[in-house]
Amino acid sequence: MILGNLTHFGKSLLSDKAAWISILVSLRAQAYPEIRSLSVDFSDGVVTLRGKVTTYYFKQVAQKSIRRIARKAIIVNLVDVRHAEPRSGKSQSNQ
C-alpha cells in the first residue's frame, strides 16, 4: 500500500483524501478487472463501495481488500451483483 495501514480512522490520523487514495489504490491493485472498476467514497469514517460485478465472490473480495486498510471504518457495500447473461442461440458457424 502506498500510504500503509490506516487503522485509526475513528481518530482521524489521516485526512479523508489520504484514506480515499489508499483504499482506491487497493482496489486498483486487484487482479479482477470488475473490482478495479468499482468506485469508492470515504467520508467521516464511512467507506462506500459502488459499482457492478458478476459474482458475489467479487463483491466480497472488494470488501475484504478495503477492510484490510480501513479496519475501524464502517464499510457500506452497495455493489450490485448482476450475473452474466447466458448466450442465446447457436453460434454463426453452427447455422
C-alpha atoms as a PDB file:
ATOM      1  CA  MET A   1       0.000   0.000   0.000  1.00  0.00           C
ATOM      2  CA  ILE A   2       1.162   3.465  -0.786  1.00  0.00           C
ATOM      3  CA  LEU A   3       0.007   5.000   2.496  1.00  0.00           C
ATOM      4  CA  GLY A   4       0.314   1.966   4.718  1.00  0.00           C
ATOM      5  CA  ASN A   5      -2.311   0.598   7.062  1.00  0.00           C
ATOM      6  CA  LEU A   6      -4.963   3.110   8.141  1.00  0.00           C
ATOM      7  CA  THR A   7      -6.102   1.520  11.382  1.00  0.00           C
ATOM      8  CA  HIS A   8      -7.232   4.618  13.255  1.00  0.00           C
ATOM      9  CA  PHE A   9      -9.967   6.128  11.082  1.00  0.00           C
ATOM     10  CA  GLY A  10     -12.053   6.982  14.147  1.00  0.00           C
ATOM     11  CA  LYS A  11      -9.224   9.168  15.478  1.00  0.00           C
ATOM     12  CA  SER A  12      -8.756  10.859  12.086  1.00  0.00           C
ATOM     13  CA  LEU A  13      -4.972  10.338  11.930  1.00  0.00           C
ATOM     14  CA  LEU A  14      -5.043  10.811   8.178  1.00  0.00           C
ATOM     15  CA  SER A  15      -7.170  13.076   6.047  1.00  0.00           C
ATOM     16  CA  ASP A  16     -10.193  11.747   4.195  1.00  0.00           C
ATOM     17  CA  LYS A  17      -8.338  12.303   0.940  1.00  0.00           C
ATOM     18  CA  ALA A  18      -5.343  10.227   2.036  1.00  0.00           C
ATOM     19  CA  ALA A  19      -7.644   7.429   3.223  1.00  0.00           C
ATOM     20  CA  TRP A  20      -9.605   7.523  -0.023  1.00  0.00           C
ATOM     21  CA  ILE A  21      -6.404   7.333  -2.080  1.00  0.00           C
ATOM     22  CA  SER A  22      -5.101   4.353  -0.122  1.00  0.00           C
ATOM     23  CA  ILE A  23      -8.404   2.489  -0.491  1.00  0.00           C
ATOM     24  CA  LEU A  24      -8.602   3.301  -4.190  1.00  0.00           C
ATOM     25  CA  VAL A  25      -5.054   2.051  -4.746  1.00  0.00           C
ATOM     26  CA  SER A  26      -6.006  -1.203  -3.029  1.00  0.00           C
ATOM     27  CA  LEU A  27      -8.978  -1.707  -5.348  1.00  0.00           C
ATOM     28  CA  ARG A  28      -6.972  -0.839  -8.460  1.00  0.00           C
ATOM     29  CA  ALA A  29      -4.325  -3.403  -7.485  1.00  0.00           C
ATOM     30  CA  GLN A  30      -6.816  -6.293  -7.586  1.00  0.00           C
ATOM     31  CA  ALA A  31      -6.357  -8.989 -10.229  1.00  0.00           C
ATOM     32  CA  TYR A  32     -10.007  -8.855 -11.307  1.00  0.00           C
ATOM     33  CA  PRO A  33     -10.973  -6.060 -13.761  1.00  0.00           C
ATOM     34  CA  GLU A  34     -14.505  -5.885 -12.336  1.00  0.00           C
ATOM     35  CA  ILE A  35     -13.128  -4.989  -8.900  1.00  0.00           C
ATOM     36  CA  ARG A  36     -10.718  -2.439 -10.342  1.00  0.00           C
ATOM     37  CA  SER A  37     -13.651  -0.590 -11.933  1.00  0.00           C
ATOM     38  CA  LEU A  38     -15.608  -0.092  -8.680  1.00  0.00           C
ATOM     39  CA  SER A  39     -15.937   3.380  -7.197  1.00  0.00           C
ATOM     40  CA  VAL A  40     -15.272   4.270  -3.594  1.00  0.00           C
ATOM     41  CA  ASP A  41     -16.148   7.255  -1.427  1.00  0.00           C
ATOM     42  CA  PHE A  42     -14.721   7.966   2.012  1.00  0.00           C
ATOM     43  CA  SER A  43     -16.125  10.490   4.440  1.00  0.00           C
ATOM     44  CA  ASP A  44     -16.181  10.737   8.232  1.00  0.00           C
ATOM     45  CA  GLY A  45     -15.027   7.153   8.788  1.00  0.00           C
ATOM     46  CA  VAL A  46     -17.512   5.627   6.339  1.00  0.00           C
ATOM     47  CA  VAL A  47     -16.316   3.900   3.169  1.00  0.00           C
ATOM     48  CA  THR A  48     -18.976   3.459   0.479  1.00  0.00           C
ATOM     49  CA  LEU A  49     -18.290   0.988  -2.315  1.00  0.00           C
ATOM     50  CA  ARG A  50     -20.354   1.204  -5.533  1.00  0.00           C
ATOM     51  CA  GLY A  51     -20.486  -0.466  -8.913  1.00  0.00           C
ATOM     52  CA  LYS A  52     -21.445  -3.703 -10.609  1.00  0.00           C
ATOM     53  CA  VAL A  53     -19.840  -7.149 -10.601  1.00  0.00           C
ATOM     54  CA  THR A  54     -20.958 -10.528 -11.935  1.00  0.00           C
ATOM     55  CA  THR A  55     -20.440 -12.629  -8.794  1.00  0.00           C
ATOM     56  CA  TYR A  56     -20.875 -12.359  -5.040  1.00  0.00           C
ATOM     57  CA  TYR A  57     -17.269 -13.554  -4.778  1.00  0.00           C
ATOM     58  CA  PHE A  58     -16.043 -10.357  -6.492  1.00  0.00           C
ATOM     59  CA  LYS A  59     -18.243  -8.274  -4.187  1.00  0.00           C
ATOM     60  CA  GLN A  60     -16.704  -9.970  -1.144  1.00  0.00           C
ATOM     61  CA  VAL A  61     -13.127  -9.696  -2.443  1.00  0.00           C
ATOM     62  CA  ALA A  62     -13.610  -5.953  -2.952  1.00  0.00           C
ATOM     63  CA  GLN A  63     -14.934  -5.505   0.575  1.00  0.00           C
ATOM     64  CA  LYS A  64     -12.127  -7.579   2.095  1.00  0.00           C
ATOM     65  CA  SER A  65      -9.486  -5.534   0.266  1.00  0.00           C
ATOM     66  CA  ILE A  66     -10.930  -2.380   1.820  1.00  0.00           C
ATOM     67  CA  ARG A  67     -11.285  -3.967   5.263  1.00  0.00           C
ATOM     68  CA  ARG A  68      -7.533  -4.709   5.359  1.00  0.00           C
ATOM     69  CA  ILE A  69      -6.837  -0.987   5.145  1.00  0.00           C
ATOM     70  CA  ALA A  70      -9.829   0.536   6.902  1.00  0.00           C
ATOM     71  CA  ARG A  71     -10.099  -1.746   9.909  1.00  0.00           C
ATOM     72  CA  LYS A  72     -12.134   0.648  12.047  1.00  0.00           C
ATOM     73  CA  ALA A  73     -14.152   2.307   9.294  1.00  0.00           C
ATOM     74  CA  ILE A  74     -17.759   1.493   8.554  1.00  0.00           C
ATOM     75  CA  ILE A  75     -17.993  -0.129   5.120  1.00  0.00           C
ATOM     76  CA  VAL A  76     -21.188   0.313   3.132  1.00  0.00           C
ATOM     77  CA  ASN A  77     -21.079  -2.167   0.261  1.00  0.00           C
ATOM     78  CA  LEU A  78     -23.561  -1.006  -2.396  1.00  0.00           C
ATOM     79  CA  VAL A  79     -22.063  -3.156  -5.141  1.00  0.00           C
ATOM     80  CA  ASP A  80     -24.730  -4.764  -7.340  1.00  0.00           C
ATOM     81  CA  VAL A  81     -24.259  -8.371  -8.410  1.00  0.00           C
ATOM     82  CA  ARG A  82     -25.542  -8.845 -11.934  1.00  0.00           C
ATOM     83  CA  HIS A  83     -24.892 -12.313 -13.248  1.00  0.00           C
ATOM     84  CA  ALA A  84     -23.685 -12.527 -16.829  1.00  0.00           C
ATOM     85  CA  GLU A  85     -26.494 -13.196 -19.278  1.00  0.00           C
ATOM     86  CA  PRO A  86     -26.354 -16.672 -20.835  1.00  0.00           C
ATOM     87  CA  ARG A  87     -25.602 -16.732 -24.520  1.00  0.00           C
ATOM     88  CA  SER A  88     -28.728 -17.236 -26.565  1.00  0.00           C
ATOM     89  CA  GLY A  89     -28.947 -19.162 -29.812  1.00  0.00           C
ATOM     90  CA  LYS A  90     -26.287 -21.010 -31.732  1.00  0.00           C
ATOM     91  CA  SER A  91     -23.047 -19.593 -32.973  1.00  0.00           C
ATOM     92  CA  GLN A  92     -22.855 -18.446 -36.617  1.00  0.00           C
ATOM     93  CA  SER A  93     -20.726 -21.447 -37.605  1.00  0.00           C
ATOM     94  CA  ASN A  94     -23.403 -23.939 -36.451  1.00  0.00           C
ATOM     95  CA  GLN A  95     -26.238 -22.473 -38.512  1.00  0.00           C
END
